[in-house]
Structures are given as C-alpha cells and as structure tokens.
Amino acid sequence: MAVVLGPLFLGAAYALKPSEARLALMRPLSLAAIFAALTVTAAGAINTLVGVGSREDFNYHVVMASAAESLVPMFVGFGCLTVAWLCVALGLRRQS
C-alpha cells in the first residue's frame, strides 16, 4: 500500500511548485498505484476464498467481514489518487 502514497506526495509537491517534470511523473505513478490497489484487493479476495474453502462450517458473517476487509486497499488507493489529482488540478490552476 506504500505505492499509493507516491502519487499523493507528488501531487502535493506539484500543487506547491508546479513543473512539467512532476506532471510527467504523475501519470506512471498513478498507473502503478492503480495496479497496486487492484493487486492487493485481488490478494485479499483470494485469501477470503481460501479461508472459506478451508472451513468446515460456513458462516456468512466471516465471509462478509473478509470481503469487506479485502476492499479496503482499493478504497484507500483510489482515495489517495483522488486527492493527488485534485492537488495536480490546483497546481495547474496556479501555473496558468
């Protein structure tokens, strides 16, 4: 999940001091953050399915809690990307 903090810090840096180099770096870092969030969410879903398959008794509460926990990285990742791109929009406004 540390990967999603990179675009957030870069977006904040761009908002404070806009430069073309920072803006060019924002796109690949955003893609890396998207793929990282999707990967961690998929790993959580896999762990949920493995946990459900290894239990003798099926409990909906355990499945629902595990499924909710596996969605947290995607929520955090896309939340950080939203704030990062809002910072970029602020930097673009300051630049012009």
PDB file of N, CA and C in Angstrom:
ATOM      1  N   MET A   1       0.812  -1.204   0.000  1.00  0.00           N
ATOM      2  CA  MET A   1       0.000   0.000   0.000  1.00  0.00           C
ATOM      3  C   MET A   1       0.851   1.261   0.000  1.00  0.00           C
ATOM      4  N   ALA A   2       2.145   1.102   0.198  1.00  0.00           N
ATOM      5  CA  ALA A   2       3.021   2.274   0.187  1.00  0.00           C
ATOM      6  C   ALA A   2       3.096   2.900  -1.210  1.00  0.00           C
ATOM      7  N   VAL A   3       2.807   2.119  -2.231  1.00  0.00           N
ATOM      8  CA  VAL A   3       2.884   2.620  -3.606  1.00  0.00           C
ATOM      9  C   VAL A   3       1.862   3.725  -3.843  1.00  0.00           C
ATOM     10  N   VAL A   4       0.710   3.653  -3.205  1.00  0.00           N
ATOM     11  CA  VAL A   4      -0.332   4.659  -3.455  1.00  0.00           C
ATOM     12  C   VAL A   4      -0.008   5.989  -2.793  1.00  0.00           C
ATOM     13  N   LEU A   5       0.955   6.015  -1.882  1.00  0.00           N
ATOM     14  CA  LEU A   5       1.331   7.281  -1.254  1.00  0.00           C
ATOM     15  C   LEU A   5       2.241   8.113  -2.154  1.00  0.00           C
ATOM     16  N   GLY A   6       2.934   7.471  -3.093  1.00  0.00           N
ATOM     17  CA  GLY A   6       3.814   8.189  -4.017  1.00  0.00           C
ATOM     18  C   GLY A   6       3.088   9.252  -4.814  1.00  0.00           C
ATOM     19  N   PRO A   7       1.996   8.903  -5.513  1.00  0.00           N
ATOM     20  CA  PRO A   7       1.258   9.942  -6.250  1.00  0.00           C
ATOM     21  C   PRO A   7       0.684  11.023  -5.343  1.00  0.00           C
ATOM     22  N   LEU A   8       0.317  10.644  -4.120  1.00  0.00           N
ATOM     23  CA  LEU A   8      -0.233  11.635  -3.200  1.00  0.00           C
ATOM     24  C   LEU A   8       0.821  12.687  -2.850  1.00  0.00           C
ATOM     25  N   PHE A   9       2.026  12.247  -2.516  1.00  0.00           N
ATOM     26  CA  PHE A   9       3.093  13.192  -2.193  1.00  0.00           C
ATOM     27  C   PHE A   9       3.531  13.992  -3.426  1.00  0.00           C
ATOM     28  N   LEU A  10       3.574  13.324  -4.573  1.00  0.00           N
ATOM     29  CA  LEU A  10       3.958  14.025  -5.792  1.00  0.00           C
ATOM     30  C   LEU A  10       2.905  15.059  -6.180  1.00  0.00           C
ATOM     31  N   GLY A  11       1.641  14.720  -6.010  1.00  0.00           N
ATOM     32  CA  GLY A  11       0.571  15.682  -6.290  1.00  0.00           C
ATOM     33  C   GLY A  11       0.640  16.892  -5.382  1.00  0.00           C
ATOM     34  N   ALA A  12       0.958  16.644  -4.108  1.00  0.00           N
ATOM     35  CA  ALA A  12       1.099  17.760  -3.175  1.00  0.00           C
ATOM     36  C   ALA A  12       2.308  18.625  -3.550  1.00  0.00           C
ATOM     37  N   ALA A  13       3.387  17.971  -3.947  1.00  0.00           N
ATOM     38  CA  ALA A  13       4.576  18.734  -4.370  1.00  0.00           C
ATOM     39  C   ALA A  13       4.277  19.546  -5.613  1.00  0.00           C
ATOM     40  N   TYR A  14       3.495  18.979  -6.534  1.00  0.00           N
ATOM     41  CA  TYR A  14       3.132  19.713  -7.749  1.00  0.00           C
ATOM     42  C   TYR A  14       2.236  20.905  -7.423  1.00  0.00           C
ATOM     43  N   ALA A  15       1.353  20.739  -6.451  1.00  0.00           N
ATOM     44  CA  ALA A  15       0.477  21.852  -6.074  1.00  0.00           C
ATOM     45  C   ALA A  15       1.284  22.999  -5.490  1.00  0.00           C
ATOM     46  N   LEU A  16       2.347  22.660  -4.745  1.00  0.00           N
ATOM     47  CA  LEU A  16       3.171  23.706  -4.144  1.00  0.00           C
ATOM     48  C   LEU A  16       4.106  24.369  -5.150  1.00  0.00           C
ATOM     49  N   LYS A  17       4.709  23.547  -6.021  1.00  0.00           N
ATOM     50  CA  LYS A  17       5.666  24.080  -7.002  1.00  0.00           C
ATOM     51  C   LYS A  17       5.481  23.319  -8.318  1.00  0.00           C
ATOM     52  N   PRO A  18       4.587  23.789  -9.192  1.00  0.00           N
ATOM     53  CA  PRO A  18       4.311  23.079 -10.448  1.00  0.00           C
ATOM     54  C   PRO A  18       5.524  23.056 -11.377  1.00  0.00           C
ATOM     55  N   SER A  19       5.748  21.881 -11.977  1.00  0.00           N
ATOM     56  CA  SER A  19       6.780  21.758 -13.012  1.00  0.00           C
ATOM     57  C   SER A  19       6.342  20.661 -13.989  1.00  0.00           C
ATOM     58  N   GLU A  20       6.843  20.769 -15.182  1.00  0.00           N
ATOM     59  CA  GLU A  20       6.487  19.802 -16.224  1.00  0.00           C
ATOM     60  C   GLU A  20       6.998  18.409 -15.883  1.00  0.00           C
ATOM     61  N   ALA A  21       8.155  18.320 -15.249  1.00  0.00           N
ATOM     62  CA  ALA A  21       8.730  17.020 -14.887  1.00  0.00           C
ATOM     63  C   ALA A  21       7.864  16.295 -13.861  1.00  0.00           C
ATOM     64  N   ARG A  22       7.356  17.026 -12.883  1.00  0.00           N
ATOM     65  CA  ARG A  22       6.483  16.405 -11.872  1.00  0.00           C
ATOM     66  C   ARG A  22       5.174  15.942 -12.489  1.00  0.00           C
ATOM     67  N   LEU A  23       4.647  16.740 -13.398  1.00  0.00           N
ATOM     68  CA  LEU A  23       3.403  16.358 -14.063  1.00  0.00           C
ATOM     69  C   LEU A  23       3.610  15.115 -14.924  1.00  0.00           C
ATOM     70  N   ALA A  24       4.749  15.030 -15.595  1.00  0.00           N
ATOM     71  CA  ALA A  24       5.039  13.862 -16.431  1.00  0.00           C
ATOM     72  C   ALA A  24       5.214  12.608 -15.584  1.00  0.00           C
ATOM     73  N   LEU A  25       5.721  12.744 -14.380  1.00  0.00           N
ATOM     74  CA  LEU A  25       5.914  11.593 -13.499  1.00  0.00           C
ATOM     75  C   LEU A  25       4.613  11.147 -12.841  1.00  0.00           C
ATOM     76  N   MET A  26       3.638  12.037 -12.801  1.00  0.00           N
ATOM     77  CA  MET A  26       2.369  11.734 -12.129  1.00  0.00           C
ATOM     78  C   MET A  26       1.595  10.618 -12.823  1.00  0.00           C
ATOM     79  N   ARG A  27       1.614  10.582 -14.135  1.00  0.00           N
ATOM     80  CA  ARG A  27       0.844   9.568 -14.872  1.00  0.00           C
ATOM     81  C   ARG A  27       1.350   8.151 -14.609  1.00  0.00           C
ATOM     82  N   PRO A  28       2.655   7.860 -14.759  1.00  0.00           N
ATOM     83  CA  PRO A  28       3.098   6.493 -14.483  1.00  0.00           C
ATOM     84  C   PRO A  28       2.958   6.101 -13.009  1.00  0.00           C
ATOM     85  N   LEU A  29       3.145   7.057 -12.115  1.00  0.00           N
ATOM     86  CA  LEU A  29       2.949   6.730 -10.699  1.00  0.00           C
ATOM     87  C   LEU A  29       1.481   6.435 -10.398  1.00  0.00           C
ATOM     88  N   SER A  30       0.580   7.122 -11.067  1.00  0.00           N
ATOM     89  CA  SER A  30      -0.849   6.847 -10.889  1.00  0.00           C
ATOM     90  C   SER A  30      -1.201   5.452 -11.382  1.00  0.00           C
ATOM     91  N   LEU A  31      -0.649   5.083 -12.527  1.00  0.00           N
ATOM     92  CA  LEU A  31      -0.898   3.727 -13.034  1.00  0.00           C
ATOM     93  C   LEU A  31      -0.350   2.671 -12.077  1.00  0.00           C
ATOM     94  N   ALA A  32       0.833   2.915 -11.533  1.00  0.00           N
ATOM     95  CA  ALA A  32       1.406   1.979 -10.574  1.00  0.00           C
ATOM     96  C   ALA A  32       0.520   1.856  -9.336  1.00  0.00           C
ATOM     97  N   ALA A  33      -0.028   2.969  -8.877  1.00  0.00           N
ATOM     98  CA  ALA A  33      -0.905   2.951  -7.714  1.00  0.00           C
ATOM     99  C   ALA A  33      -2.209   2.202  -8.011  1.00  0.00           C
ATOM    100  N   ILE A  34      -2.752   2.388  -9.202  1.00  0.00           N
ATOM    101  CA  ILE A  34      -3.974   1.669  -9.584  1.00  0.00           C
ATOM    102  C   ILE A  34      -3.718   0.170  -9.598  1.00  0.00           C
ATOM    103  N   PHE A  35      -2.625  -0.241 -10.237  1.00  0.00           N
ATOM    104  CA  PHE A  35      -2.325  -1.670 -10.303  1.00  0.00           C
ATOM    105  C   PHE A  35      -1.993  -2.244  -8.930  1.00  0.00           C
ATOM    106  N   ALA A  36      -1.349  -1.464  -8.083  1.00  0.00           N
ATOM    107  CA  ALA A  36      -1.048  -1.940  -6.730  1.00  0.00           C
ATOM    108  C   ALA A  36      -2.336  -2.135  -5.931  1.00  0.00           C
ATOM    109  N   ALA A  37      -3.254  -1.187  -6.034  1.00  0.00           N
ATOM    110  CA  ALA A  37      -4.528  -1.311  -5.308  1.00  0.00           C
ATOM    111  C   ALA A  37      -5.325  -2.505  -5.802  1.00  0.00           C
ATOM    112  N   LEU A  38      -5.341  -2.705  -7.107  1.00  0.00           N
ATOM    113  CA  LEU A  38      -6.052  -3.868  -7.657  1.00  0.00           C
ATOM    114  C   LEU A  38      -5.401  -5.181  -7.240  1.00  0.00           C
ATOM    115  N   THR A  39      -4.071  -5.211  -7.205  1.00  0.00           N
ATOM    116  CA  THR A  39      -3.361  -6.429  -6.824  1.00  0.00           C
ATOM    117  C   THR A  39      -3.616  -6.787  -5.369  1.00  0.00           C
ATOM    118  N   VAL A  40      -3.532  -5.799  -4.480  1.00  0.00           N
ATOM    119  CA  VAL A  40      -3.755  -6.081  -3.065  1.00  0.00           C
ATOM    120  C   VAL A  40      -5.212  -6.482  -2.819  1.00  0.00           C
ATOM    121  N   THR A  41      -6.139  -5.870  -3.534  1.00  0.00           N
ATOM    122  CA  THR A  41      -7.543  -6.246  -3.401  1.00  0.00           C
ATOM    123  C   THR A  41      -7.773  -7.668  -3.905  1.00  0.00           C
ATOM    124  N   ALA A  42      -7.147  -8.031  -5.016  1.00  0.00           N
ATOM    125  CA  ALA A  42      -7.268  -9.402  -5.523  1.00  0.00           C
ATOM    126  C   ALA A  42      -6.655 -10.404  -4.544  1.00  0.00           C
ATOM    127  N   ALA A  43      -5.535 -10.043  -3.934  1.00  0.00           N
ATOM    128  CA  ALA A  43      -4.922 -10.930  -2.939  1.00  0.00           C
ATOM    129  C   ALA A  43      -5.842 -11.113  -1.738  1.00  0.00           C
ATOM    130  N   GLY A  44      -6.521 -10.047  -1.329  1.00  0.00           N
ATOM    131  CA  GLY A  44      -7.493 -10.165  -0.240  1.00  0.00           C
ATOM    132  C   GLY A  44      -8.661 -11.052  -0.610  1.00  0.00           C
ATOM    133  N   ALA A  45      -9.121 -10.944  -1.854  1.00  0.00           N
ATOM    134  CA  ALA A  45     -10.213 -11.811  -2.313  1.00  0.00           C
ATOM    135  C   ALA A  45      -9.767 -13.271  -2.357  1.00  0.00           C
ATOM    136  N   ILE A  46      -8.538 -13.502  -2.787  1.00  0.00           N
ATOM    137  CA  ILE A  46      -8.012 -14.867  -2.812  1.00  0.00           C
ATOM    138  C   ILE A  46      -7.933 -15.426  -1.395  1.00  0.00           C
ATOM    139  N   ASN A  47      -7.441 -14.631  -0.461  1.00  0.00           N
ATOM    140  CA  ASN A  47      -7.367 -15.088   0.923  1.00  0.00           C
ATOM    141  C   ASN A  47      -8.747 -15.360   1.505  1.00  0.00           C
ATOM    142  N   THR A  48      -9.731 -14.556   1.126  1.00  0.00           N
ATOM    143  CA  THR A  48     -11.105 -14.799   1.573  1.00  0.00           C
ATOM    144  C   THR A  48     -11.614 -16.133   1.058  1.00  0.00           C
ATOM    145  N   LEU A  49     -11.388 -16.400  -0.222  1.00  0.00           N
ATOM    146  CA  LEU A  49     -11.847 -17.666  -0.799  1.00  0.00           C
ATOM    147  C   LEU A  49     -11.117 -18.865  -0.198  1.00  0.00           C
ATOM    148  N   VAL A  50      -9.834 -18.729   0.053  1.00  0.00           N
ATOM    149  CA  VAL A  50      -9.084 -19.819   0.684  1.00  0.00           C
ATOM    150  C   VAL A  50      -9.602 -20.062   2.095  1.00  0.00           C
ATOM    151  N   GLY A  51      -9.869 -18.972   2.819  1.00  0.00           N
ATOM    152  CA  GLY A  51     -10.396 -19.115   4.173  1.00  0.00           C
ATOM    153  C   GLY A  51     -11.764 -19.759   4.200  1.00  0.00           C
ATOM    154  N   VAL A  52     -12.626 -19.409   3.256  1.00  0.00           N
ATOM    155  CA  VAL A  52     -13.961 -20.013   3.183  1.00  0.00           C
ATOM    156  C   VAL A  52     -13.851 -21.482   2.816  1.00  0.00           C
ATOM    157  N   GLY A  53     -12.955 -21.802   1.905  1.00  0.00           N
ATOM    158  CA  GLY A  53     -12.808 -23.188   1.476  1.00  0.00           C
ATOM    159  C   GLY A  53     -12.191 -24.094   2.528  1.00  0.00           C
ATOM    160  N   SER A  54     -11.441 -23.536   3.446  1.00  0.00           N
ATOM    161  CA  SER A  54     -10.778 -24.370   4.447  1.00  0.00           C
ATOM    162  C   SER A  54     -11.627 -24.592   5.696  1.00  0.00           C
ATOM    163  N   ARG A  55     -12.745 -23.913   5.804  1.00  0.00           N
ATOM    164  CA  ARG A  55     -13.596 -24.056   6.992  1.00  0.00           C
ATOM    165  C   ARG A  55     -14.629 -25.148   6.773  1.00  0.00           C
ATOM    166  N   GLU A  56     -14.891 -25.872   7.843  1.00  0.00           N
ATOM    167  CA  GLU A  56     -15.934 -26.905   7.797  1.00  0.00           C
ATOM    168  C   GLU A  56     -17.327 -26.282   7.879  1.00  0.00           C
ATOM    169  N   ASP A  57     -17.466 -25.316   8.749  1.00  0.00           N
ATOM    170  CA  ASP A  57     -18.764 -24.659   8.909  1.00  0.00           C
ATOM    171  C   ASP A  57     -18.766 -23.341   8.132  1.00  0.00           C
ATOM    172  N   PHE A  58     -19.811 -23.100   7.390  1.00  0.00           N
ATOM    173  CA  PHE A  58     -19.919 -21.899   6.567  1.00  0.00           C
ATOM    174  C   PHE A  58     -20.617 -20.820   7.382  1.00  0.00           C
ATOM    175  N   ASN A  59     -19.969 -19.674   7.532  1.00  0.00           N
ATOM    176  CA  ASN A  59     -20.510 -18.579   8.310  1.00  0.00           C
ATOM    177  C   ASN A  59     -20.522 -17.326   7.439  1.00  0.00           C
ATOM    178  N   TYR A  60     -21.718 -16.804   7.181  1.00  0.00           N
ATOM    179  CA  TYR A  60     -21.841 -15.619   6.324  1.00  0.00           C
ATOM    180  C   TYR A  60     -21.142 -14.403   6.923  1.00  0.00           C
ATOM    181  N   HIS A  61     -21.133 -14.298   8.235  1.00  0.00           N
ATOM    182  CA  HIS A  61     -20.513 -13.143   8.875  1.00  0.00           C
ATOM    183  C   HIS A  61     -19.009 -13.101   8.602  1.00  0.00           C
ATOM    184  N   VAL A  62     -18.369 -14.251   8.643  1.00  0.00           N
ATOM    185  CA  VAL A  62     -16.930 -14.310   8.375  1.00  0.00           C
ATOM    186  C   VAL A  62     -16.654 -13.953   6.918  1.00  0.00           C
ATOM    187  N   VAL A  63     -17.471 -14.460   6.009  1.00  0.00           N
ATOM    188  CA  VAL A  63     -17.295 -14.176   4.581  1.00  0.00           C
ATOM    189  C   VAL A  63     -17.495 -12.690   4.302  1.00  0.00           C
ATOM    190  N   MET A  64     -18.520 -12.104   4.871  1.00  0.00           N
ATOM    191  CA  MET A  64     -18.797 -10.689   4.630  1.00  0.00           C
ATOM    192  C   MET A  64     -17.708  -9.795   5.228  1.00  0.00           C
ATOM    193  N   ALA A  65     -17.237 -10.142   6.417  1.00  0.00           N
ATOM    194  CA  ALA A  65     -16.165  -9.346   7.032  1.00  0.00           C
ATOM    195  C   ALA A  65     -14.882  -9.468   6.223  1.00  0.00           C
ATOM    196  N   SER A  66     -14.568 -10.659   5.756  1.00  0.00           N
ATOM    197  CA  SER A  66     -13.357 -10.849   4.944  1.00  0.00           C
ATOM    198  C   SER A  66     -13.463 -10.126   3.612  1.00  0.00           C
ATOM    199  N   ALA A  67     -14.631 -10.173   2.997  1.00  0.00           N
ATOM    200  CA  ALA A  67     -14.824  -9.477   1.723  1.00  0.00           C
ATOM    201  C   ALA A  67     -14.702  -7.964   1.906  1.00  0.00           C
ATOM    202  N   ALA A  68     -15.247  -7.459   3.004  1.00  0.00           N
ATOM    203  CA  ALA A  68     -15.137  -6.015   3.274  1.00  0.00           C
ATOM    204  C   ALA A  68     -13.686  -5.618   3.512  1.00  0.00           C
ATOM    205  N   GLU A  69     -12.943  -6.438   4.246  1.00  0.00           N
ATOM    206  CA  GLU A  69     -11.535  -6.133   4.504  1.00  0.00           C
ATOM    207  C   GLU A  69     -10.707  -6.173   3.227  1.00  0.00           C
ATOM    208  N   SER A  70     -11.084  -7.018   2.293  1.00  0.00           N
ATOM    209  CA  SER A  70     -10.309  -7.099   1.053  1.00  0.00           C
ATOM    210  C   SER A  70     -10.555  -5.891   0.144  1.00  0.00           C
ATOM    211  N   LEU A  71     -11.621  -5.144   0.374  1.00  0.00           N
ATOM    212  CA  LEU A  71     -11.906  -3.948  -0.425  1.00  0.00           C
ATOM    213  C   LEU A  71     -11.256  -2.686   0.131  1.00  0.00           C
ATOM    214  N   VAL A  72     -10.758  -2.737   1.350  1.00  0.00           N
ATOM    215  CA  VAL A  72     -10.160  -1.558   1.979  1.00  0.00           C
ATOM    216  C   VAL A  72      -8.965  -1.016   1.186  1.00  0.00           C
ATOM    217  N   PRO A  73      -8.030  -1.855   0.706  1.00  0.00           N
ATOM    218  CA  PRO A  73      -6.907  -1.294  -0.048  1.00  0.00           C
ATOM    219  C   PRO A  73      -7.327  -0.534  -1.301  1.00  0.00           C
ATOM    220  N   MET A  74      -8.366  -0.995  -1.961  1.00  0.00           N
ATOM    221  CA  MET A  74      -8.832  -0.284  -3.151  1.00  0.00           C
ATOM    222  C   MET A  74      -9.439   1.061  -2.760  1.00  0.00           C
ATOM    223  N   PHE A  75     -10.179   1.084  -1.682  1.00  0.00           N
ATOM    224  CA  PHE A  75     -10.762   2.334  -1.192  1.00  0.00           C
ATOM    225  C   PHE A  75      -9.668   3.340  -0.837  1.00  0.00           C
ATOM    226  N   VAL A  76      -8.663   2.893  -0.115  1.00  0.00           N
ATOM    227  CA  VAL A  76      -7.564   3.782   0.279  1.00  0.00           C
ATOM    228  C   VAL A  76      -6.774   4.230  -0.950  1.00  0.00           C
ATOM    229  N   GLY A  77      -6.483   3.293  -1.852  1.00  0.00           N
ATOM    230  CA  GLY A  77      -5.711   3.620  -3.043  1.00  0.00           C
ATOM    231  C   GLY A  77      -6.392   4.645  -3.924  1.00  0.00           C
ATOM    232  N   PHE A  78      -7.652   4.431  -4.225  1.00  0.00           N
ATOM    233  CA  PHE A  78      -8.357   5.378  -5.086  1.00  0.00           C
ATOM    234  C   PHE A  78      -8.651   6.689  -4.362  1.00  0.00           C
ATOM    235  N   GLY A  79      -8.792   6.647  -3.042  1.00  0.00           N
ATOM    236  CA  GLY A  79      -8.940   7.881  -2.279  1.00  0.00           C
ATOM    237  C   GLY A  79      -7.677   8.733  -2.359  1.00  0.00           C
ATOM    238  N   CYS A  80      -6.514   8.089  -2.217  1.00  0.00           N
ATOM    239  CA  CYS A  80      -5.238   8.806  -2.334  1.00  0.00           C
ATOM    240  C   CYS A  80      -5.057   9.365  -3.743  1.00  0.00           C
ATOM    241  N   LEU A  81      -5.438   8.593  -4.744  1.00  0.00           N
ATOM    242  CA  LEU A  81      -5.322   9.083  -6.122  1.00  0.00           C
ATOM    243  C   LEU A  81      -6.257  10.263  -6.381  1.00  0.00           C
ATOM    244  N   THR A  82      -7.424  10.240  -5.791  1.00  0.00           N
ATOM    245  CA  THR A  82      -8.349  11.363  -5.946  1.00  0.00           C
ATOM    246  C   THR A  82      -7.754  12.638  -5.375  1.00  0.00           C
ATOM    247  N   VAL A  83      -7.214  12.551  -4.171  1.00  0.00           N
ATOM    248  CA  VAL A  83      -6.606  13.725  -3.542  1.00  0.00           C
ATOM    249  C   VAL A  83      -5.386  14.182  -4.345  1.00  0.00           C
ATOM    250  N   ALA A  84      -4.594  13.215  -4.829  1.00  0.00           N
ATOM    251  CA  ALA A  84      -3.397  13.562  -5.603  1.00  0.00           C
ATOM    252  C   ALA A  84      -3.767  14.325  -6.867  1.00  0.00           C
ATOM    253  N   TRP A  85      -4.774  13.856  -7.596  1.00  0.00           N
ATOM    254  CA  TRP A  85      -5.138  14.536  -8.834  1.00  0.00           C
ATOM    255  C   TRP A  85      -5.847  15.862  -8.573  1.00  0.00           C
ATOM    256  N   LEU A  86      -6.504  15.996  -7.426  1.00  0.00           N
ATOM    257  CA  LEU A  86      -7.042  17.311  -7.061  1.00  0.00           C
ATOM    258  C   LEU A  86      -5.906  18.293  -6.782  1.00  0.00           C
ATOM    259  N   CYS A  87      -4.832  17.801  -6.181  1.00  0.00           N
ATOM    260  CA  CYS A  87      -3.648  18.647  -5.979  1.00  0.00           C
ATOM    261  C   CYS A  87      -3.031  19.040  -7.320  1.00  0.00           C
ATOM    262  N   VAL A  88      -3.011  18.109  -8.276  1.00  0.00           N
ATOM    263  CA  VAL A  88      -2.494  18.430  -9.608  1.00  0.00           C
ATOM    264  C   VAL A  88      -3.366  19.494 -10.264  1.00  0.00           C
ATOM    265  N   ALA A  89      -4.678  19.371 -10.120  1.00  0.00           N
ATOM    266  CA  ALA A  89      -5.576  20.386 -10.685  1.00  0.00           C
ATOM    267  C   ALA A  89      -5.324  21.744 -10.059  1.00  0.00           C
ATOM    268  N   LEU A  90      -5.069  21.765  -8.751  1.00  0.00           N
ATOM    269  CA  LEU A  90      -4.736  23.021  -8.093  1.00  0.00           C
ATOM    270  C   LEU A  90      -3.412  23.586  -8.611  1.00  0.00           C
ATOM    271  N   GLY A  91      -2.436  22.713  -8.823  1.00  0.00           N
ATOM    272  CA  GLY A  91      -1.153  23.151  -9.371  1.00  0.00           C
ATOM    273  C   GLY A  91      -1.290  23.680 -10.780  1.00  0.00           C
ATOM    274  N   LEU A  92      -2.128  23.041 -11.594  1.00  0.00           N
ATOM    275  CA  LEU A  92      -2.344  23.522 -12.961  1.00  0.00           C
ATOM    276  C   LEU A  92      -3.005  24.895 -12.943  1.00  0.00           C
ATOM    277  N   ARG A  93      -3.879  25.109 -12.010  1.00  0.00           N
ATOM    278  CA  ARG A  93      -4.535  26.415 -11.904  1.00  0.00           C
ATOM    279  C   ARG A  93      -3.532  27.485 -11.471  1.00  0.00           C
ATOM    280  N   ARG A  94      -2.641  27.104 -10.571  1.00  0.00           N
ATOM    281  CA  ARG A  94      -1.627  28.061 -10.106  1.00  0.00           C
ATOM    282  C   ARG A  94      -0.622  28.366 -11.203  1.00  0.00           C
ATOM    283  N   GLN A  95      -0.366  27.375 -12.065  1.00  0.00           N
ATOM    284  CA  GLN A  95       0.643  27.527 -13.116  1.00  0.00           C
ATOM    285  C   GLN A  95       0.180  28.503 -14.195  1.00  0.00           C
ATOM    286  N   SER A  96      -1.119  28.497 -14.470  1.00  0.00           N
ATOM    287  CA  SER A  96      -1.609  29.345 -15.566  1.00  0.00           C
ATOM    288  C   SER A  96      -1.964  30.735 -15.141  1.00  0.00           C
TER     289      SER A  96
END
